[in-house]
């Protein structure tokens, strides 16, 4: 695969409080939930071709120094508490790329 020199868009992905809108929590209007869900689904259509990788930057992961997750199967981190049990059953089996992570680092 030949590396592309075109740049993909930078996207802000809000998630609301906890796992909202993926789990019914009883707060936020149906219209707000629908709007956020539609925005999150629309991100799929932004790049003209699927990206080879995603670089996700989070302020929710605290380390003494900037840290890169570099596993071949990175876990989904739950940095919230007090939500229904199904909130902690969400999965996202994203493949990691240790070689690319090393380049980022």
C-alpha atoms as a PDB file:
ATOM      1  CA  UNK A   1       0.000   0.000   0.000  1.00  0.00           C
ATOM      2  CA  UNK A   2       1.413   3.381  -1.006  1.00  0.00           C
ATOM      3  CA  UNK A   3       1.140   6.119   1.641  1.00  0.00           C
ATOM      4  CA  UNK A   4      -1.172   8.939   0.645  1.00  0.00           C
ATOM      5  CA  UNK A   5      -0.186  12.573   0.930  1.00  0.00           C
ATOM      6  CA  UNK A   6      -3.788  13.770   1.276  1.00  0.00           C
ATOM      7  CA  UNK A   7      -4.939  14.819   4.717  1.00  0.00           C
ATOM      8  CA  UNK A   8      -8.050  13.477   6.354  1.00  0.00           C
ATOM      9  CA  UNK A   9     -10.348  15.673   8.421  1.00  0.00           C
ATOM     10  CA  UNK A  10      -9.884  16.237  12.133  1.00  0.00           C
ATOM     11  CA  UNK A  11     -13.101  15.352  13.935  1.00  0.00           C
ATOM     12  CA  UNK A  12     -14.344  16.175  17.420  1.00  0.00           C
ATOM     13  CA  UNK A  13     -16.423  13.306  18.761  1.00  0.00           C
ATOM     14  CA  UNK A  14     -18.535  14.373  21.723  1.00  0.00           C
ATOM     15  CA  UNK A  15     -20.024  11.561  23.751  1.00  0.00           C
ATOM     16  CA  UNK A  16     -22.209  13.419  26.242  1.00  0.00           C
ATOM     17  CA  UNK A  17     -22.349  12.202  29.823  1.00  0.00           C
ATOM     18  CA  UNK A  18     -21.051   8.663  30.245  1.00  0.00           C
ATOM     19  CA  UNK A  19     -21.984   6.373  27.355  1.00  0.00           C
ATOM     20  CA  UNK A  20     -24.937   8.510  26.239  1.00  0.00           C
ATOM     21  CA  UNK A  21     -26.667   8.081  23.690  1.00  0.00           C
ATOM     22  CA  UNK A  22     -25.748   4.385  23.553  1.00  0.00           C
ATOM     23  CA  UNK A  23     -27.448   3.485  26.842  1.00  0.00           C
ATOM     24  CA  UNK A  24     -30.839   4.814  27.981  1.00  0.00           C
ATOM     25  CA  UNK A  25     -30.033   6.783  31.127  1.00  0.00           C
ATOM     26  CA  UNK A  26     -33.210   8.798  31.610  1.00  0.00           C
ATOM     27  CA  UNK A  27     -31.689  12.232  31.038  1.00  0.00           C
ATOM     28  CA  UNK A  28     -31.323  14.402  27.979  1.00  0.00           C
ATOM     29  CA  UNK A  29     -34.199  14.849  25.579  1.00  0.00           C
ATOM     30  CA  UNK A  30     -34.974  12.362  22.825  1.00  0.00           C
ATOM     31  CA  UNK A  31     -34.174  15.138  20.312  1.00  0.00           C
ATOM     32  CA  UNK A  32     -30.709  15.702  21.872  1.00  0.00           C
ATOM     33  CA  UNK A  33     -29.998  11.990  21.845  1.00  0.00           C
ATOM     34  CA  UNK A  34     -31.117  11.665  18.221  1.00  0.00           C
ATOM     35  CA  UNK A  35     -29.024  14.671  17.163  1.00  0.00           C
ATOM     36  CA  UNK A  36     -25.873  13.355  18.843  1.00  0.00           C
ATOM     37  CA  UNK A  37     -26.399   9.837  17.467  1.00  0.00           C
ATOM     38  CA  UNK A  38     -26.895  11.243  13.945  1.00  0.00           C
ATOM     39  CA  UNK A  39     -23.682  13.288  14.262  1.00  0.00           C
ATOM     40  CA  UNK A  40     -21.701  10.276  15.426  1.00  0.00           C
ATOM     41  CA  UNK A  41     -23.042   8.158  12.540  1.00  0.00           C
ATOM     42  CA  UNK A  42     -22.209  10.918  10.012  1.00  0.00           C
ATOM     43  CA  UNK A  43     -18.487  10.759  10.829  1.00  0.00           C
ATOM     44  CA  UNK A  44     -18.317   7.521   8.815  1.00  0.00           C
ATOM     45  CA  UNK A  45     -18.967   9.521   5.628  1.00  0.00           C
ATOM     46  CA  UNK A  46     -16.331  12.240   6.177  1.00  0.00           C
ATOM     47  CA  UNK A  47     -13.211  10.760   4.592  1.00  0.00           C
ATOM     48  CA  UNK A  48     -13.410  10.001   0.856  1.00  0.00           C
ATOM     49  CA  UNK A  49     -11.692   6.659   1.516  1.00  0.00           C
ATOM     50  CA  UNK A  50     -11.442   4.710   4.774  1.00  0.00           C
ATOM     51  CA  UNK A  51      -8.399   5.714   6.848  1.00  0.00           C
ATOM     52  CA  UNK A  52      -5.697   3.160   7.609  1.00  0.00           C
ATOM     53  CA  UNK A  53      -5.752   4.145  11.288  1.00  0.00           C
ATOM     54  CA  UNK A  54      -7.363   6.538  13.750  1.00  0.00           C
ATOM     55  CA  UNK A  55      -5.414   8.604  16.238  1.00  0.00           C
ATOM     56  CA  UNK A  56      -7.629   9.306  19.235  1.00  0.00           C
ATOM     57  CA  UNK A  57      -6.503  11.923  21.720  1.00  0.00           C
ATOM     58  CA  UNK A  58      -8.211  11.954  25.091  1.00  0.00           C
ATOM     59  CA  UNK A  59      -7.987  14.204  28.118  1.00  0.00           C
ATOM     60  CA  UNK A  60      -9.678  11.477  30.160  1.00  0.00           C
ATOM     61  CA  UNK A  61      -6.600   9.276  30.415  1.00  0.00           C
ATOM     62  CA  UNK A  62      -4.273  10.666  33.066  1.00  0.00           C
ATOM     63  CA  UNK A  63      -0.597   9.799  33.056  1.00  0.00           C
ATOM     64  CA  UNK A  64       2.431  11.724  34.383  1.00  0.00           C
ATOM     65  CA  UNK A  65       3.530  12.299  30.775  1.00  0.00           C
ATOM     66  CA  UNK A  66       1.807  12.018  27.378  1.00  0.00           C
ATOM     67  CA  UNK A  67       1.277   8.318  26.736  1.00  0.00           C
ATOM     68  CA  UNK A  68       0.502   6.265  23.641  1.00  0.00           C
ATOM     69  CA  UNK A  69      -1.572   3.100  23.924  1.00  0.00           C
ATOM     70  CA  UNK A  70       0.335   0.611  21.794  1.00  0.00           C
ATOM     71  CA  UNK A  71      -1.342  -2.784  22.173  1.00  0.00           C
ATOM     72  CA  UNK A  72      -2.476  -4.955  19.300  1.00  0.00           C
ATOM     73  CA  UNK A  73      -5.964  -5.091  20.877  1.00  0.00           C
ATOM     74  CA  UNK A  74      -6.416  -1.889  22.912  1.00  0.00           C
ATOM     75  CA  UNK A  75      -9.107  -2.051  25.592  1.00  0.00           C
ATOM     76  CA  UNK A  76     -12.096   0.243  25.849  1.00  0.00           C
ATOM     77  CA  UNK A  77     -11.545   2.399  28.926  1.00  0.00           C
ATOM     78  CA  UNK A  78     -14.494   3.337  31.130  1.00  0.00           C
ATOM     79  CA  UNK A  79     -13.648   6.640  32.804  1.00  0.00           C
ATOM     80  CA  UNK A  80     -17.113   7.174  34.256  1.00  0.00           C
ATOM     81  CA  UNK A  81     -19.036   5.720  37.160  1.00  0.00           C
ATOM     82  CA  UNK A  82     -22.542   5.505  38.575  1.00  0.00           C
ATOM     83  CA  UNK A  83     -24.298   4.391  35.396  1.00  0.00           C
ATOM     84  CA  UNK A  84     -26.448   1.297  34.783  1.00  0.00           C
ATOM     85  CA  UNK A  85     -24.525  -2.019  34.451  1.00  0.00           C
ATOM     86  CA  UNK A  86     -25.096  -2.163  30.677  1.00  0.00           C
ATOM     87  CA  UNK A  87     -23.042   1.055  30.430  1.00  0.00           C
ATOM     88  CA  UNK A  88     -19.951  -1.007  31.237  1.00  0.00           C
ATOM     89  CA  UNK A  89     -20.711  -3.807  28.763  1.00  0.00           C
ATOM     90  CA  UNK A  90     -20.077  -1.706  25.641  1.00  0.00           C
ATOM     91  CA  UNK A  91     -17.355  -3.062  23.362  1.00  0.00           C
ATOM     92  CA  UNK A  92     -15.325  -1.723  20.471  1.00  0.00           C
ATOM     93  CA  UNK A  93     -12.935  -4.381  19.170  1.00  0.00           C
ATOM     94  CA  UNK A  94     -10.647  -1.886  17.440  1.00  0.00           C
ATOM     95  CA  UNK A  95      -7.436  -3.359  16.079  1.00  0.00           C
ATOM     96  CA  UNK A  96      -4.299  -1.694  17.392  1.00  0.00           C
ATOM     97  CA  UNK A  97      -1.147  -1.122  15.378  1.00  0.00           C
ATOM     98  CA  UNK A  98       1.922  -1.334  17.627  1.00  0.00           C
ATOM     99  CA  UNK A  99       4.233  -0.246  14.782  1.00  0.00           C
ATOM    100  CA  UNK A 100       2.221   2.869  14.027  1.00  0.00           C
ATOM    101  CA  UNK A 101       1.898   3.580  17.769  1.00  0.00           C
ATOM    102  CA  UNK A 102       5.696   3.473  18.024  1.00  0.00           C
ATOM    103  CA  UNK A 103       5.949   6.024  15.192  1.00  0.00           C
ATOM    104  CA  UNK A 104       3.424   8.302  16.931  1.00  0.00           C
ATOM    105  CA  UNK A 105       5.301   7.979  20.196  1.00  0.00           C
END
